[in-house]
Amino acid sequence: MAGAIGPLTPDEYLTLQELAAYAKVSVRQLRNYLSLPPDQALPCYRPGRKLLVKRAEFDAWFAQYRHRGKPILTRVLRDLGLEPAQLANLRPRRWPGARTGKALNQ
């Protein structure tokens, strides 16, 4: 395995077994990623009967699946024309008449 010899470099080509160890996913799951539609599939190289994946290309491909927060909430916000990353910096509003944690009779 390439990682056992030394540190991995971004331009290194990995076999599916090496990539599975690097990404901590099964070879079967990697094969599923390879069989996705062409615009979504994991990029790979097939010299002869070998199947290789460039580590930097895997990292970039995998990064597109990064999620923060609940996916349904993100989708709803985008459907409303709002960008979730911009909303993260906003402070919540205090609505008039909202409870402040104090008893109402005080």
PDB file of N, CA and C in Angstrom:
ATOM      1  N   MET A   1       0.836  -1.183   0.000  1.00  0.00           N
ATOM      2  CA  MET A   1       0.000   0.000   0.000  1.00  0.00           C
ATOM      3  C   MET A   1       0.871   1.232   0.000  1.00  0.00           C
ATOM      4  N   ALA A   2       0.485   2.248  -0.741  1.00  0.00           N
ATOM      5  CA  ALA A   2       1.311   3.444  -0.890  1.00  0.00           C
ATOM      6  C   ALA A   2       1.497   4.168   0.426  1.00  0.00           C
ATOM      7  N   GLY A   3       0.450   4.241   1.255  1.00  0.00           N
ATOM      8  CA  GLY A   3       0.542   4.953   2.520  1.00  0.00           C
ATOM      9  C   GLY A   3       1.504   4.309   3.496  1.00  0.00           C
ATOM     10  N   ALA A   4       1.754   2.982   3.346  1.00  0.00           N
ATOM     11  CA  ALA A   4       2.652   2.282   4.249  1.00  0.00           C
ATOM     12  C   ALA A   4       4.111   2.622   3.944  1.00  0.00           C
ATOM     13  N   ILE A   5       4.388   3.035   2.702  1.00  0.00           N
ATOM     14  CA  ILE A   5       5.750   3.355   2.310  1.00  0.00           C
ATOM     15  C   ILE A   5       6.138   4.745   2.801  1.00  0.00           C
ATOM     16  N   GLY A   6       5.242   5.672   2.722  1.00  0.00           N
ATOM     17  CA  GLY A   6       5.508   7.047   3.130  1.00  0.00           C
ATOM     18  C   GLY A   6       4.221   7.841   3.077  1.00  0.00           C
ATOM     19  N   PRO A   7       4.306   9.133   3.337  1.00  0.00           N
ATOM     20  CA  PRO A   7       3.092   9.944   3.305  1.00  0.00           C
ATOM     21  C   PRO A   7       2.529  10.020   1.885  1.00  0.00           C
ATOM     22  N   LEU A   8       1.215  10.107   1.800  1.00  0.00           N
ATOM     23  CA  LEU A   8       0.559  10.211   0.500  1.00  0.00           C
ATOM     24  C   LEU A   8       0.747  11.610  -0.058  1.00  0.00           C
ATOM     25  N   THR A   9       0.931  11.690  -1.365  1.00  0.00           N
ATOM     26  CA  THR A   9       1.016  12.983  -2.028  1.00  0.00           C
ATOM     27  C   THR A   9      -0.283  13.210  -2.802  1.00  0.00           C
ATOM     28  N   PRO A  10      -0.677  14.463  -3.005  1.00  0.00           N
ATOM     29  CA  PRO A  10      -1.954  14.737  -3.677  1.00  0.00           C
ATOM     30  C   PRO A  10      -2.038  14.186  -5.095  1.00  0.00           C
ATOM     31  N   ASP A  11      -0.902  14.083  -5.793  1.00  0.00           N
ATOM     32  CA  ASP A  11      -0.935  13.616  -7.176  1.00  0.00           C
ATOM     33  C   ASP A  11      -0.699  12.111  -7.295  1.00  0.00           C
ATOM     34  N   GLU A  12      -0.802  11.412  -6.187  1.00  0.00           N
ATOM     35  CA  GLU A  12      -0.577   9.972  -6.188  1.00  0.00           C
ATOM     36  C   GLU A  12      -1.805   9.228  -6.711  1.00  0.00           C
ATOM     37  N   TYR A  13      -1.560   8.167  -7.480  1.00  0.00           N
ATOM     38  CA  TYR A  13      -2.630   7.308  -7.978  1.00  0.00           C
ATOM     39  C   TYR A  13      -2.785   6.127  -7.034  1.00  0.00           C
ATOM     40  N   LEU A  14      -4.025   5.850  -6.629  1.00  0.00           N
ATOM     41  CA  LEU A  14      -4.298   4.790  -5.667  1.00  0.00           C
ATOM     42  C   LEU A  14      -5.173   3.712  -6.294  1.00  0.00           C
ATOM     43  N   THR A  15      -4.919   2.467  -5.906  1.00  0.00           N
ATOM     44  CA  THR A  15      -5.810   1.384  -6.288  1.00  0.00           C
ATOM     45  C   THR A  15      -7.070   1.499  -5.440  1.00  0.00           C
ATOM     46  N   LEU A  16      -8.098   0.739  -5.779  1.00  0.00           N
ATOM     47  CA  LEU A  16      -9.324   0.790  -4.977  1.00  0.00           C
ATOM     48  C   LEU A  16      -9.075   0.335  -3.548  1.00  0.00           C
ATOM     49  N   GLN A  17      -8.214  -0.648  -3.357  1.00  0.00           N
ATOM     50  CA  GLN A  17      -7.915  -1.112  -2.008  1.00  0.00           C
ATOM     51  C   GLN A  17      -7.201  -0.022  -1.200  1.00  0.00           C
ATOM     52  N   GLU A  18      -6.260   0.659  -1.826  1.00  0.00           N
ATOM     53  CA  GLU A  18      -5.549   1.744  -1.142  1.00  0.00           C
ATOM     54  C   GLU A  18      -6.487   2.911  -0.852  1.00  0.00           C
ATOM     55  N   LEU A  19      -7.346   3.225  -1.821  1.00  0.00           N
ATOM     56  CA  LEU A  19      -8.292   4.313  -1.636  1.00  0.00           C
ATOM     57  C   LEU A  19      -9.309   3.979  -0.548  1.00  0.00           C
ATOM     58  N   ALA A  20      -9.728   2.726  -0.475  1.00  0.00           N
ATOM     59  CA  ALA A  20     -10.672   2.304   0.568  1.00  0.00           C
ATOM     60  C   ALA A  20     -10.051   2.501   1.947  1.00  0.00           C
ATOM     61  N   ALA A  21      -8.786   2.160   2.087  1.00  0.00           N
ATOM     62  CA  ALA A  21      -8.107   2.354   3.370  1.00  0.00           C
ATOM     63  C   ALA A  21      -7.949   3.843   3.675  1.00  0.00           C
ATOM     64  N   TYR A  22      -7.619   4.631   2.669  1.00  0.00           N
ATOM     65  CA  TYR A  22      -7.448   6.076   2.843  1.00  0.00           C
ATOM     66  C   TYR A  22      -8.764   6.746   3.239  1.00  0.00           C
ATOM     67  N   ALA A  23      -9.846   6.413   2.532  1.00  0.00           N
ATOM     68  CA  ALA A  23     -11.131   7.076   2.737  1.00  0.00           C
ATOM     69  C   ALA A  23     -11.982   6.420   3.818  1.00  0.00           C
ATOM     70  N   LYS A  24     -11.549   5.265   4.274  1.00  0.00           N
ATOM     71  CA  LYS A  24     -12.288   4.514   5.303  1.00  0.00           C
ATOM     72  C   LYS A  24     -13.695   4.147   4.824  1.00  0.00           C
ATOM     73  N   VAL A  25     -13.773   3.722   3.570  1.00  0.00           N
ATOM     74  CA  VAL A  25     -15.000   3.176   3.000  1.00  0.00           C
ATOM     75  C   VAL A  25     -14.636   1.848   2.339  1.00  0.00           C
ATOM     76  N   SER A  26     -15.631   1.033   2.073  1.00  0.00           N
ATOM     77  CA  SER A  26     -15.364  -0.272   1.482  1.00  0.00           C
ATOM     78  C   SER A  26     -15.080  -0.155  -0.014  1.00  0.00           C
ATOM     79  N   VAL A  27     -14.397  -1.158  -0.544  1.00  0.00           N
ATOM     80  CA  VAL A  27     -14.150  -1.230  -1.978  1.00  0.00           C
ATOM     81  C   VAL A  27     -15.487  -1.312  -2.712  1.00  0.00           C
ATOM     82  N   ARG A  28     -16.440  -2.019  -2.139  1.00  0.00           N
ATOM     83  CA  ARG A  28     -17.768  -2.122  -2.750  1.00  0.00           C
ATOM     84  C   ARG A  28     -18.424  -0.747  -2.898  1.00  0.00           C
ATOM     85  N   GLN A  29     -18.313   0.084  -1.860  1.00  0.00           N
ATOM     86  CA  GLN A  29     -18.890   1.426  -1.932  1.00  0.00           C
ATOM     87  C   GLN A  29     -18.175   2.265  -2.983  1.00  0.00           C
ATOM     88  N   LEU A  30     -16.854   2.123  -3.089  1.00  0.00           N
ATOM     89  CA  LEU A  30     -16.119   2.848  -4.124  1.00  0.00           C
ATOM     90  C   LEU A  30     -16.593   2.423  -5.512  1.00  0.00           C
ATOM     91  N   ARG A  31     -16.840   1.135  -5.698  1.00  0.00           N
ATOM     92  CA  ARG A  31     -17.357   0.653  -6.992  1.00  0.00           C
ATOM     93  C   ARG A  31     -18.740   1.240  -7.269  1.00  0.00           C
ATOM     94  N   ASN A  32     -19.553   1.396  -6.222  1.00  0.00           N
ATOM     95  CA  ASN A  32     -20.852   2.051  -6.400  1.00  0.00           C
ATOM     96  C   ASN A  32     -20.665   3.498  -6.857  1.00  0.00           C
ATOM     97  N   TYR A  33     -19.687   4.197  -6.268  1.00  0.00           N
ATOM     98  CA  TYR A  33     -19.406   5.576  -6.663  1.00  0.00           C
ATOM     99  C   TYR A  33     -18.951   5.647  -8.120  1.00  0.00           C
ATOM    100  N   LEU A  34     -18.197   4.652  -8.558  1.00  0.00           N
ATOM    101  CA  LEU A  34     -17.715   4.616  -9.941  1.00  0.00           C
ATOM    102  C   LEU A  34     -18.849   4.381 -10.933  1.00  0.00           C
ATOM    103  N   SER A  35     -19.926   3.719 -10.493  1.00  0.00           N
ATOM    104  CA  SER A  35     -21.018   3.382 -11.402  1.00  0.00           C
ATOM    105  C   SER A  35     -22.144   4.415 -11.400  1.00  0.00           C
ATOM    106  N   LEU A  36     -21.953   5.541 -10.718  1.00  0.00           N
ATOM    107  CA  LEU A  36     -22.937   6.624 -10.753  1.00  0.00           C
ATOM    108  C   LEU A  36     -22.996   7.207 -12.168  1.00  0.00           C
ATOM    109  N   PRO A  37     -24.021   7.999 -12.477  1.00  0.00           N
ATOM    110  CA  PRO A  37     -24.068   8.661 -13.793  1.00  0.00           C
ATOM    111  C   PRO A  37     -22.786   9.466 -14.035  1.00  0.00           C
ATOM    112  N   PRO A  38     -22.383   9.609 -15.290  1.00  0.00           N
ATOM    113  CA  PRO A  38     -21.088  10.239 -15.598  1.00  0.00           C
ATOM    114  C   PRO A  38     -20.836  11.590 -14.939  1.00  0.00           C
ATOM    115  N   ASP A  39     -21.862  12.416 -14.782  1.00  0.00           N
ATOM    116  CA  ASP A  39     -21.631  13.725 -14.171  1.00  0.00           C
ATOM    117  C   ASP A  39     -21.495  13.662 -12.654  1.00  0.00           C
ATOM    118  N   GLN A  40     -21.772  12.507 -12.046  1.00  0.00           N
ATOM    119  CA  GLN A  40     -21.674  12.346 -10.596  1.00  0.00           C
ATOM    120  C   GLN A  40     -20.633  11.311 -10.174  1.00  0.00           C
ATOM    121  N   ALA A  41     -20.162  10.517 -11.113  1.00  0.00           N
ATOM    122  CA  ALA A  41     -19.289   9.382 -10.798  1.00  0.00           C
ATOM    123  C   ALA A  41     -17.910   9.825 -10.310  1.00  0.00           C
ATOM    124  N   LEU A  42     -17.327   8.969  -9.510  1.00  0.00           N
ATOM    125  CA  LEU A  42     -15.955   9.161  -9.044  1.00  0.00           C
ATOM    126  C   LEU A  42     -15.017   9.093 -10.248  1.00  0.00           C
ATOM    127  N   PRO A  43     -14.181  10.122 -10.470  1.00  0.00           N
ATOM    128  CA  PRO A  43     -13.259  10.077 -11.622  1.00  0.00           C
ATOM    129  C   PRO A  43     -12.178   9.023 -11.404  1.00  0.00           C
ATOM    130  N   CYS A  44     -11.867   8.295 -12.469  1.00  0.00           N
ATOM    131  CA  CYS A  44     -10.854   7.241 -12.351  1.00  0.00           C
ATOM    132  C   CYS A  44     -10.101   7.088 -13.664  1.00  0.00           C
ATOM    133  N   TYR A  45      -9.047   6.300 -13.608  1.00  0.00           N
ATOM    134  CA  TYR A  45      -8.211   5.993 -14.771  1.00  0.00           C
ATOM    135  C   TYR A  45      -8.174   4.483 -14.905  1.00  0.00           C
ATOM    136  N   ARG A  46      -8.255   3.989 -16.139  1.00  0.00           N
ATOM    137  CA  ARG A  46      -8.252   2.547 -16.380  1.00  0.00           C
ATOM    138  C   ARG A  46      -7.146   2.193 -17.371  1.00  0.00           C
ATOM    139  N   PRO A  47      -5.898   2.161 -16.908  1.00  0.00           N
ATOM    140  CA  PRO A  47      -4.828   1.709 -17.805  1.00  0.00           C
ATOM    141  C   PRO A  47      -4.858   0.176 -17.872  1.00  0.00           C
ATOM    142  N   GLY A  48      -5.265  -0.347 -19.003  1.00  0.00           N
ATOM    143  CA  GLY A  48      -5.398  -1.799 -19.122  1.00  0.00           C
ATOM    144  C   GLY A  48      -6.554  -2.280 -18.265  1.00  0.00           C
ATOM    145  N   ARG A  49      -6.292  -3.270 -17.440  1.00  0.00           N
ATOM    146  CA  ARG A  49      -7.329  -3.814 -16.558  1.00  0.00           C
ATOM    147  C   ARG A  49      -7.286  -3.206 -15.171  1.00  0.00           C
ATOM    148  N   LYS A  50      -6.294  -2.353 -14.914  1.00  0.00           N
ATOM    149  CA  LYS A  50      -6.184  -1.702 -13.609  1.00  0.00           C
ATOM    150  C   LYS A  50      -7.178  -0.567 -13.490  1.00  0.00           C
ATOM    151  N   LEU A  51      -7.541  -0.247 -12.265  1.00  0.00           N
ATOM    152  CA  LEU A  51      -8.417   0.888 -11.998  1.00  0.00           C
ATOM    153  C   LEU A  51      -7.729   1.748 -10.946  1.00  0.00           C
ATOM    154  N   LEU A  52      -7.407   2.979 -11.294  1.00  0.00           N
ATOM    155  CA  LEU A  52      -6.691   3.877 -10.394  1.00  0.00           C
ATOM    156  C   LEU A  52      -7.470   5.172 -10.211  1.00  0.00           C
ATOM    157  N   VAL A  53      -7.314   5.757  -9.033  1.00  0.00           N
ATOM    158  CA  VAL A  53      -7.956   7.043  -8.723  1.00  0.00           C
ATOM    159  C   VAL A  53      -6.874   7.971  -8.185  1.00  0.00           C
ATOM    160  N   LYS A  54      -6.836   9.173  -8.740  1.00  0.00           N
ATOM    161  CA  LYS A  54      -5.878  10.167  -8.261  1.00  0.00           C
ATOM    162  C   LYS A  54      -6.406  10.725  -6.945  1.00  0.00           C
ATOM    163  N   ARG A  55      -5.550  10.742  -5.924  1.00  0.00           N
ATOM    164  CA  ARG A  55      -5.988  11.140  -4.585  1.00  0.00           C
ATOM    165  C   ARG A  55      -6.575  12.545  -4.559  1.00  0.00           C
ATOM    166  N   ALA A  56      -5.939  13.499  -5.222  1.00  0.00           N
ATOM    167  CA  ALA A  56      -6.438  14.879  -5.226  1.00  0.00           C
ATOM    168  C   ALA A  56      -7.812  14.961  -5.887  1.00  0.00           C
ATOM    169  N   GLU A  57      -8.030  14.182  -6.940  1.00  0.00           N
ATOM    170  CA  GLU A  57      -9.335  14.179  -7.606  1.00  0.00           C
ATOM    171  C   GLU A  57     -10.397  13.544  -6.720  1.00  0.00           C
ATOM    172  N   PHE A  58     -10.016  12.500  -5.965  1.00  0.00           N
ATOM    173  CA  PHE A  58     -10.962  11.898  -5.029  1.00  0.00           C
ATOM    174  C   PHE A  58     -11.343  12.915  -3.950  1.00  0.00           C
ATOM    175  N   ASP A  59     -10.352  13.611  -3.396  1.00  0.00           N
ATOM    176  CA  ASP A  59     -10.620  14.604  -2.345  1.00  0.00           C
ATOM    177  C   ASP A  59     -11.574  15.687  -2.838  1.00  0.00           C
ATOM    178  N   ALA A  60     -11.356  16.176  -4.070  1.00  0.00           N
ATOM    179  CA  ALA A  60     -12.229  17.213  -4.629  1.00  0.00           C
ATOM    180  C   ALA A  60     -13.628  16.653  -4.883  1.00  0.00           C
ATOM    181  N   TRP A  61     -13.709  15.441  -5.413  1.00  0.00           N
ATOM    182  CA  TRP A  61     -15.011  14.820  -5.685  1.00  0.00           C
ATOM    183  C   TRP A  61     -15.768  14.590  -4.384  1.00  0.00           C
ATOM    184  N   PHE A  62     -15.087  14.112  -3.367  1.00  0.00           N
ATOM    185  CA  PHE A  62     -15.710  13.800  -2.089  1.00  0.00           C
ATOM    186  C   PHE A  62     -16.174  15.064  -1.368  1.00  0.00           C
ATOM    187  N   ALA A  63     -15.442  16.164  -1.533  1.00  0.00           N
ATOM    188  CA  ALA A  63     -15.775  17.421  -0.857  1.00  0.00           C
ATOM    189  C   ALA A  63     -17.136  17.968  -1.290  1.00  0.00           C
ATOM    190  N   GLN A  64     -17.587  17.615  -2.494  1.00  0.00           N
ATOM    191  CA  GLN A  64     -18.885  18.111  -2.951  1.00  0.00           C
ATOM    192  C   GLN A  64     -20.040  17.520  -2.151  1.00  0.00           C
ATOM    193  N   TYR A  65     -19.789  16.469  -1.399  1.00  0.00           N
ATOM    194  CA  TYR A  65     -20.833  15.838  -0.595  1.00  0.00           C
ATOM    195  C   TYR A  65     -20.809  16.285   0.857  1.00  0.00           C
ATOM    196  N   ARG A  66     -20.028  17.293   1.153  1.00  0.00           N
ATOM    197  CA  ARG A  66     -19.949  17.810   2.522  1.00  0.00           C
ATOM    198  C   ARG A  66     -21.234  18.552   2.853  1.00  0.00           C
ATOM    199  N   HIS A  67     -21.804  18.270   4.005  1.00  0.00           N
ATOM    200  CA  HIS A  67     -23.028  18.931   4.452  1.00  0.00           C
ATOM    201  C   HIS A  67     -22.827  19.490   5.844  1.00  0.00           C
ATOM    202  N   ARG A  68     -23.501  20.581   6.098  1.00  0.00           N
ATOM    203  CA  ARG A  68     -23.528  21.162   7.433  1.00  0.00           C
ATOM    204  C   ARG A  68     -24.985  21.378   7.780  1.00  0.00           C
ATOM    205  N   GLY A  69     -25.352  20.979   8.954  1.00  0.00           N
ATOM    206  CA  GLY A  69     -26.739  21.137   9.366  1.00  0.00           C
ATOM    207  C   GLY A  69     -27.615  20.051   8.778  1.00  0.00           C
ATOM    208  N   LYS A  70     -28.899  20.250   8.888  1.00  0.00           N
ATOM    209  CA  LYS A  70     -29.853  19.274   8.386  1.00  0.00           C
ATOM    210  C   LYS A  70     -30.081  19.513   6.902  1.00  0.00           C
ATOM    211  N   PRO A  71     -29.892  18.479   6.071  1.00  0.00           N
ATOM    212  CA  PRO A  71     -30.049  18.657   4.625  1.00  0.00           C
ATOM    213  C   PRO A  71     -31.417  19.195   4.220  1.00  0.00           C
ATOM    214  N   ILE A  72     -32.480  18.778   4.895  1.00  0.00           N
ATOM    215  CA  ILE A  72     -33.820  19.249   4.529  1.00  0.00           C
ATOM    216  C   ILE A  72     -33.943  20.743   4.792  1.00  0.00           C
ATOM    217  N   LEU A  73     -33.367  21.217   5.888  1.00  0.00           N
ATOM    218  CA  LEU A  73     -33.418  22.646   6.207  1.00  0.00           C
ATOM    219  C   LEU A  73     -32.641  23.447   5.166  1.00  0.00           C
ATOM    220  N   THR A  74     -31.488  22.957   4.777  1.00  0.00           N
ATOM    221  CA  THR A  74     -30.687  23.617   3.760  1.00  0.00           C
ATOM    222  C   THR A  74     -31.456  23.703   2.447  1.00  0.00           C
ATOM    223  N   ARG A  75     -32.109  22.616   2.066  1.00  0.00           N
ATOM    224  CA  ARG A  75     -32.868  22.591   0.814  1.00  0.00           C
ATOM    225  C   ARG A  75     -34.036  23.585   0.861  1.00  0.00           C
ATOM    226  N   VAL A  76     -34.746  23.634   1.987  1.00  0.00           N
ATOM    227  CA  VAL A  76     -35.882  24.554   2.115  1.00  0.00           C
ATOM    228  C   VAL A  76     -35.401  25.999   2.056  1.00  0.00           C
ATOM    229  N   LEU A  77     -34.308  26.307   2.737  1.00  0.00           N
ATOM    230  CA  LEU A  77     -33.779  27.672   2.705  1.00  0.00           C
ATOM    231  C   LEU A  77     -33.394  28.071   1.283  1.00  0.00           C
ATOM    232  N   ARG A  78     -32.760  27.165   0.549  1.00  0.00           N
ATOM    233  CA  ARG A  78     -32.378  27.472  -0.837  1.00  0.00           C
ATOM    234  C   ARG A  78     -33.613  27.628  -1.721  1.00  0.00           C
ATOM    235  N   ASP A  79     -34.650  26.828  -1.473  1.00  0.00           N
ATOM    236  CA  ASP A  79     -35.900  26.968  -2.228  1.00  0.00           C
ATOM    237  C   ASP A  79     -36.529  28.337  -1.991  1.00  0.00           C
ATOM    238  N   LEU A  80     -36.301  28.899  -0.815  1.00  0.00           N
ATOM    239  CA  LEU A  80     -36.828  30.225  -0.483  1.00  0.00           C
ATOM    240  C   LEU A  80     -35.915  31.353  -0.966  1.00  0.00           C
ATOM    241  N   GLY A  81     -34.800  30.979  -1.613  1.00  0.00           N
ATOM    242  CA  GLY A  81     -33.872  31.977  -2.128  1.00  0.00           C
ATOM    243  C   GLY A  81     -32.883  32.481  -1.102  1.00  0.00           C
ATOM    244  N   LEU A  82     -32.707  31.738  -0.020  1.00  0.00           N
ATOM    245  CA  LEU A  82     -31.771  32.133   1.042  1.00  0.00           C
ATOM    246  C   LEU A  82     -30.560  31.228   1.005  1.00  0.00           C
ATOM    247  N   GLU A  83     -29.417  31.769   1.331  1.00  0.00           N
ATOM    248  CA  GLU A  83     -28.190  30.990   1.371  1.00  0.00           C
ATOM    249  C   GLU A  83     -27.865  30.659   2.834  1.00  0.00           C
ATOM    250  N   PRO A  84     -27.857  29.369   3.199  1.00  0.00           N
ATOM    251  CA  PRO A  84     -27.641  28.976   4.593  1.00  0.00           C
ATOM    252  C   PRO A  84     -26.343  29.512   5.202  1.00  0.00           C
ATOM    253  N   ALA A  85     -25.269  29.598   4.423  1.00  0.00           N
ATOM    254  CA  ALA A  85     -23.997  30.083   4.964  1.00  0.00           C
ATOM    255  C   ALA A  85     -24.100  31.537   5.404  1.00  0.00           C
ATOM    256  N   GLN A  86     -24.884  32.348   4.691  1.00  0.00           N
ATOM    257  CA  GLN A  86     -25.038  33.752   5.062  1.00  0.00           C
ATOM    258  C   GLN A  86     -25.916  33.898   6.295  1.00  0.00           C
ATOM    259  N   LEU A  87     -26.865  32.999   6.468  1.00  0.00           N
ATOM    260  CA  LEU A  87     -27.765  33.073   7.621  1.00  0.00           C
ATOM    261  C   LEU A  87     -27.076  32.682   8.916  1.00  0.00           C
ATOM    262  N   ALA A  88     -26.009  31.915   8.829  1.00  0.00           N
ATOM    263  CA  ALA A  88     -25.316  31.445  10.027  1.00  0.00           C
ATOM    264  C   ALA A  88     -24.746  32.606  10.833  1.00  0.00           C
ATOM    265  N   ASN A  89     -24.437  33.719  10.189  1.00  0.00           N
ATOM    266  CA  ASN A  89     -23.829  34.857  10.879  1.00  0.00           C
ATOM    267  C   ASN A  89     -24.849  35.819  11.467  1.00  0.00           C
ATOM    268  N   LEU A  90     -26.116  35.630  11.150  1.00  0.00           N
ATOM    269  CA  LEU A  90     -27.152  36.523  11.662  1.00  0.00           C
ATOM    270  C   LEU A  90     -27.534  36.149  13.090  1.00  0.00           C
ATOM    271  N   ARG A  91     -27.840  37.163  13.890  1.00  0.00           N
ATOM    272  CA  ARG A  91     -28.306  36.914  15.250  1.00  0.00           C
ATOM    273  C   ARG A  91     -29.813  36.775  15.215  1.00  0.00           C
ATOM    274  N   PRO A  92     -30.366  35.889  16.020  1.00  0.00           N
ATOM    275  CA  PRO A  92     -31.826  35.750  16.025  1.00  0.00           C
ATOM    276  C   PRO A  92     -32.495  37.008  16.554  1.00  0.00           C
ATOM    277  N   ARG A  93     -33.654  37.329  15.986  1.00  0.00           N
ATOM    278  CA  ARG A  93     -34.416  38.501  16.430  1.00  0.00           C
ATOM    279  C   ARG A  93     -35.198  38.183  17.686  1.00  0.00           C
ATOM    280  N   ARG A  94     -35.419  39.198  18.468  1.00  0.00           N
ATOM    281  CA  ARG A  94     -36.336  39.082  19.601  1.00  0.00           C
ATOM    282  C   ARG A  94     -37.669  39.626  19.151  1.00  0.00           C
ATOM    283  N   TRP A  95     -38.662  38.813  19.136  1.00  0.00           N
ATOM    284  CA  TRP A  95     -39.992  39.249  18.738  1.00  0.00           C
ATOM    285  C   TRP A  95     -40.675  39.935  19.910  1.00  0.00           C
ATOM    286  N   PRO A  96     -41.444  40.983  19.643  1.00  0.00           N
ATOM    287  CA  PRO A  96     -42.172  41.650  20.735  1.00  0.00           C
ATOM    288  C   PRO A  96     -43.079  40.650  21.437  1.00  0.00           C
ATOM    289  N   GLY A  97     -43.045  40.677  22.744  1.00  0.00           N
ATOM    290  CA  GLY A  97     -43.870  39.769  23.524  1.00  0.00           C
ATOM    291  C   GLY A  97     -43.239  38.397  23.727  1.00  0.00           C
ATOM    292  N   ALA A  98     -42.032  38.196  23.193  1.00  0.00           N
ATOM    293  CA  ALA A  98     -41.382  36.899  23.366  1.00  0.00           C
ATOM    294  C   ALA A  98     -40.875  36.776  24.791  1.00  0.00           C
ATOM    295  N   ARG A  99     -40.870  35.582  25.291  1.00  0.00           N
ATOM    296  CA  ARG A  99     -40.374  35.353  26.645  1.00  0.00           C
ATOM    297  C   ARG A  99     -38.879  35.591  26.700  1.00  0.00           C
ATOM    298  N   THR A 100     -38.435  36.168  27.792  1.00  0.00           N
ATOM    299  CA  THR A 100     -37.012  36.442  27.954  1.00  0.00           C
ATOM    300  C   THR A 100     -36.398  35.570  29.029  1.00  0.00           C
ATOM    301  N   GLY A 101     -37.151  34.614  29.525  1.00  0.00           N
ATOM    302  CA  GLY A 101     -36.644  33.745  30.568  1.00  0.00           C
ATOM    303  C   GLY A 101     -37.073  34.196  31.948  1.00  0.00           C
ATOM    304  N   LYS A 102     -37.666  35.372  32.057  1.00  0.00           N
ATOM    305  CA  LYS A 102     -38.139  35.886  33.343  1.00  0.00           C
ATOM    306  C   LYS A 102     -39.625  35.570  33.490  1.00  0.00           C
ATOM    307  N   ALA A 103     -40.077  35.555  34.696  1.00  0.00           N
ATOM    308  CA  ALA A 103     -41.504  35.340  34.921  1.00  0.00           C
ATOM    309  C   ALA A 103     -42.289  36.505  34.358  1.00  0.00           C
ATOM    310  N   LEU A 104     -43.479  36.214  33.811  1.00  0.00           N
ATOM    311  CA  LEU A 104     -44.284  37.245  33.182  1.00  0.00           C
ATOM    312  C   LEU A 104     -44.809  38.285  34.154  1.00  0.00           C
ATOM    313  N   ASN A 105     -45.023  37.933  35.411  1.00  0.00           N
ATOM    314  CA  ASN A 105     -45.614  38.863  36.374  1.00  0.00           C
ATOM    315  C   ASN A 105     -44.595  39.786  36.993  1.00  0.00           C
ATOM    316  N   GLN A 106     -43.360  39.699  36.687  1.00  0.00           N
ATOM    317  CA  GLN A 106     -42.332  40.558  37.319  1.00  0.00           C
ATOM    318  C   GLN A 106     -42.143  41.837  36.586  1.00  0.00           C
TER     319      GLN A 106
END
